[in-house]
Amino acid sequence: MGPADILERARGVRLAIFDVDGVLTDGTLWIGAAGEAFKAFNIHDGHGLKMLQAAGVETAILSGRDSGAVVRRAAELSIRHVVQGAGDKNAAFDELLSSSGYAAADCSFMGDDLPDLPVLRRCGFAVAVANAVDAVKAAAHYVTLAPGGHGAAREFCDLVIAARAQLASAQVV
């Protein structure tokens, strides 16, 4: 896929959907003595999501795990659509499309591992992080230079904003 095709797909994104573990985080889980899970989120990725929203693109989370940390981070970033505990990401994607009113072609999805493949194969702009498994990279329209949890989401956000020719006009929130 050439640069013009990538920009065209990026330009068409109306709803940007992100996996969490391995995408918005580096995939590391810290488990406390009481069983609580801790996750580290990249501040640059978060700022990218806010800029993407300011540029008129809605954001969503679609994760196979349940985590209070994700609920909190999503609230901080004003992410309206949050789907967690999705054992079947394809079915969860259908529900997200129904609740949001978007078509699959209007959506991007950023993933890193095999459970993400069904959604990556259906969305308009499939994105894999640099450290994704090979099958995910092969299914992606675009593979980031940055690994998950270390600027990959920001790289994607900047690409979509630039493709929409709104980088200069995106308000910093």
Protein backbone atom coordinates (compact mmCIF):
# COMPACT_ATOMS: atom_id res chain seq x y z
CA MET A 1 0.00 0.00 0.00
CA GLY A 2 1.47 3.31 -1.07
CA PRO A 3 1.54 6.62 0.80
CA ALA A 4 -1.39 8.02 -1.19
CA ASP A 5 -3.56 5.02 -0.26
CA ILE A 6 -2.60 5.35 3.41
CA LEU A 7 -3.45 9.06 3.42
CA GLU A 8 -6.78 8.38 1.72
CA ARG A 9 -7.70 5.77 4.34
CA ALA A 10 -6.53 8.08 7.15
CA ARG A 11 -8.59 10.93 5.71
CA GLY A 12 -11.73 8.77 5.88
CA VAL A 13 -11.50 7.95 9.60
CA ARG A 14 -14.52 9.18 11.55
CA LEU A 15 -14.20 6.84 14.54
CA ALA A 16 -10.73 5.81 15.74
CA ILE A 17 -10.83 2.64 17.83
CA PHE A 18 -7.92 1.50 19.99
CA ASP A 19 -7.08 -1.75 21.71
CA VAL A 20 -5.51 -1.12 25.12
CA ASP A 21 -2.94 -3.71 26.18
CA GLY A 22 -0.04 -3.56 23.73
CA VAL A 23 -1.42 -0.47 21.97
CA LEU A 24 -2.21 2.28 24.49
CA THR A 25 0.12 0.49 26.92
CA ASP A 26 3.27 -1.51 26.24
CA GLY A 27 1.42 -4.67 27.25
CA THR A 28 2.99 -4.94 30.68
CA LEU A 29 0.61 -5.64 33.56
CA TRP A 30 1.68 -5.00 37.11
CA ILE A 31 -0.39 -7.08 39.51
CA GLY A 32 -0.59 -6.00 43.15
CA ALA A 33 -0.89 -8.30 46.15
CA ALA A 34 -4.66 -7.78 46.27
CA GLY A 35 -4.98 -8.70 42.60
CA GLU A 36 -5.32 -5.16 41.30
CA ALA A 37 -3.81 -4.55 37.87
CA PHE A 38 -1.79 -1.44 37.10
CA LYS A 39 -1.18 -0.10 33.60
CA ALA A 40 1.09 2.66 32.32
CA PHE A 41 -0.29 4.98 29.66
CA ASN A 42 1.84 7.28 27.51
CA ILE A 43 1.03 10.98 27.97
CA HIS A 44 1.91 11.78 24.34
CA ASP A 45 -0.55 9.14 23.14
CA GLY A 46 -3.23 10.70 25.33
CA HIS A 47 -2.55 14.16 23.99
CA GLY A 48 -2.76 12.76 20.46
CA LEU A 49 -6.21 11.36 21.19
CA LYS A 50 -7.34 14.74 22.51
CA MET A 51 -6.03 16.47 19.37
CA LEU A 52 -7.76 13.87 17.20
CA GLN A 53 -11.05 14.61 18.96
CA ALA A 54 -10.49 18.35 18.50
CA ALA A 55 -10.02 17.66 14.79
CA GLY A 56 -13.49 16.09 14.68
CA VAL A 57 -12.66 12.38 14.93
CA GLU A 58 -14.45 10.37 17.62
CA THR A 59 -12.44 7.90 19.67
CA ALA A 60 -13.25 4.53 21.18
CA ILE A 61 -11.65 1.72 23.15
CA LEU A 62 -12.23 -1.94 22.32
CA SER A 63 -10.43 -4.23 24.74
CA GLY A 64 -10.55 -7.89 25.62
CA ARG A 65 -9.79 -7.19 29.28
CA ASP A 66 -11.75 -5.35 31.98
CA SER A 67 -9.86 -2.72 33.92
CA GLY A 68 -10.79 0.15 36.18
CA ALA A 69 -7.63 1.92 35.02
CA VAL A 70 -9.01 1.92 31.46
CA VAL A 71 -12.32 3.40 32.62
CA ARG A 72 -10.44 6.14 34.44
CA ARG A 73 -8.08 6.89 31.53
CA ALA A 74 -10.98 6.92 29.06
CA ALA A 75 -12.81 9.45 31.24
CA GLU A 76 -9.70 11.64 31.46
CA LEU A 77 -9.45 11.60 27.67
CA SER A 78 -13.21 12.08 27.05
CA ILE A 79 -13.43 8.81 25.14
CA ARG A 80 -17.17 8.26 24.78
CA HIS A 81 -17.25 4.68 23.54
CA VAL A 82 -15.55 2.17 25.85
CA VAL A 83 -16.01 -1.57 25.32
CA GLN A 84 -14.13 -3.86 27.71
CA GLY A 85 -14.18 -7.58 28.38
CA ALA A 86 -14.79 -8.31 24.70
CA GLY A 87 -14.07 -12.01 24.34
CA ASP A 88 -15.28 -11.75 20.75
CA LYS A 89 -13.96 -8.48 19.36
CA ASN A 90 -15.81 -8.97 16.08
CA ALA A 91 -19.20 -9.10 17.86
CA ALA A 92 -18.16 -6.18 20.07
CA PHE A 93 -17.21 -4.22 16.94
CA ASP A 94 -20.72 -4.84 15.53
CA GLU A 95 -22.24 -3.50 18.75
CA LEU A 96 -19.95 -0.47 18.66
CA LEU A 97 -20.95 0.24 15.06
CA SER A 98 -24.61 -0.03 15.99
CA SER A 99 -24.34 2.23 19.03
CA SER A 100 -22.15 4.83 17.31
CA GLY A 101 -23.96 4.94 13.97
CA TYR A 102 -20.76 4.53 11.94
CA ALA A 103 -20.08 2.04 9.16
CA ALA A 104 -17.01 -0.20 9.35
CA ALA A 105 -15.45 1.75 6.48
CA ASP A 106 -15.60 4.93 8.61
CA CYS A 107 -13.53 3.33 11.37
CA SER A 108 -9.91 2.71 12.07
CA PHE A 109 -8.71 0.10 14.51
CA MET A 110 -5.28 -0.10 16.08
CA GLY A 111 -4.25 -3.53 17.35
CA ASP A 112 -1.31 -5.72 18.20
CA ASP A 113 -2.33 -9.36 18.65
CA LEU A 114 -4.40 -12.18 17.16
CA PRO A 115 -7.74 -11.32 18.85
CA ASP A 116 -7.61 -8.01 16.93
CA LEU A 117 -7.54 -9.63 13.48
CA PRO A 118 -11.31 -9.84 12.84
CA VAL A 119 -11.77 -6.11 13.43
CA LEU A 120 -8.62 -5.17 11.52
CA ARG A 121 -9.93 -7.10 8.51
CA ARG A 122 -13.24 -5.22 8.52
CA CYS A 123 -12.41 -1.60 9.30
CA GLY A 124 -11.57 1.09 6.78
CA PHE A 125 -8.09 1.74 8.14
CA ALA A 126 -6.32 -1.12 9.92
CA VAL A 127 -3.28 -0.11 11.95
CA ALA A 128 -0.73 -2.29 13.74
CA VAL A 129 1.83 -1.13 16.27
CA ALA A 130 5.50 -1.73 15.44
CA ASN A 131 5.77 -4.60 17.92
CA ALA A 132 2.57 -6.35 16.84
CA VAL A 133 2.63 -10.04 15.96
CA ASP A 134 3.39 -10.77 12.31
CA ALA A 135 -0.18 -11.78 11.38
CA VAL A 136 -1.48 -8.43 12.62
CA LYS A 137 1.18 -6.52 10.71
CA ALA A 138 0.27 -8.47 7.55
CA ALA A 139 -3.42 -7.53 7.95
CA ALA A 140 -2.69 -3.83 8.56
CA HIS A 141 -2.85 -1.01 6.04
CA TYR A 142 -0.28 0.84 8.15
CA VAL A 143 2.32 -0.29 10.70
CA THR A 144 3.58 2.39 13.07
CA LEU A 145 7.25 3.06 13.59
CA ALA A 146 6.70 3.35 17.35
CA PRO A 147 5.83 0.36 19.54
CA GLY A 148 2.63 0.12 21.54
CA GLY A 149 2.58 2.27 24.66
CA HIS A 150 5.53 4.31 23.40
CA GLY A 151 4.03 6.78 20.95
CA ALA A 152 2.29 4.49 18.44
CA ALA A 153 -1.14 5.98 19.11
CA ARG A 154 0.27 9.52 18.85
CA GLU A 155 1.92 8.62 15.54
CA PHE A 156 -1.43 7.39 14.24
CA CYS A 157 -3.29 10.47 15.51
CA ASP A 158 -0.77 12.81 13.88
CA LEU A 159 -1.13 10.89 10.60
CA VAL A 160 -4.93 11.16 10.59
CA ILE A 161 -4.87 14.84 11.52
CA ALA A 162 -2.29 15.61 8.83
CA ALA A 163 -4.28 13.62 6.27
CA ARG A 164 -7.33 15.68 7.13
CA ALA A 165 -5.19 18.83 6.70
CA GLN A 166 -6.13 19.92 10.19
CA LEU A 167 -2.85 19.65 12.09
CA ALA A 168 -2.42 23.41 12.29
CA SER A 169 -6.06 24.02 13.25
CA ALA A 170 -6.41 21.26 15.85
CA GLN A 171 -6.97 22.93 19.19
CA VAL A 172 -4.82 21.75 22.02
CA VAL A 173 -7.11 20.78 24.86
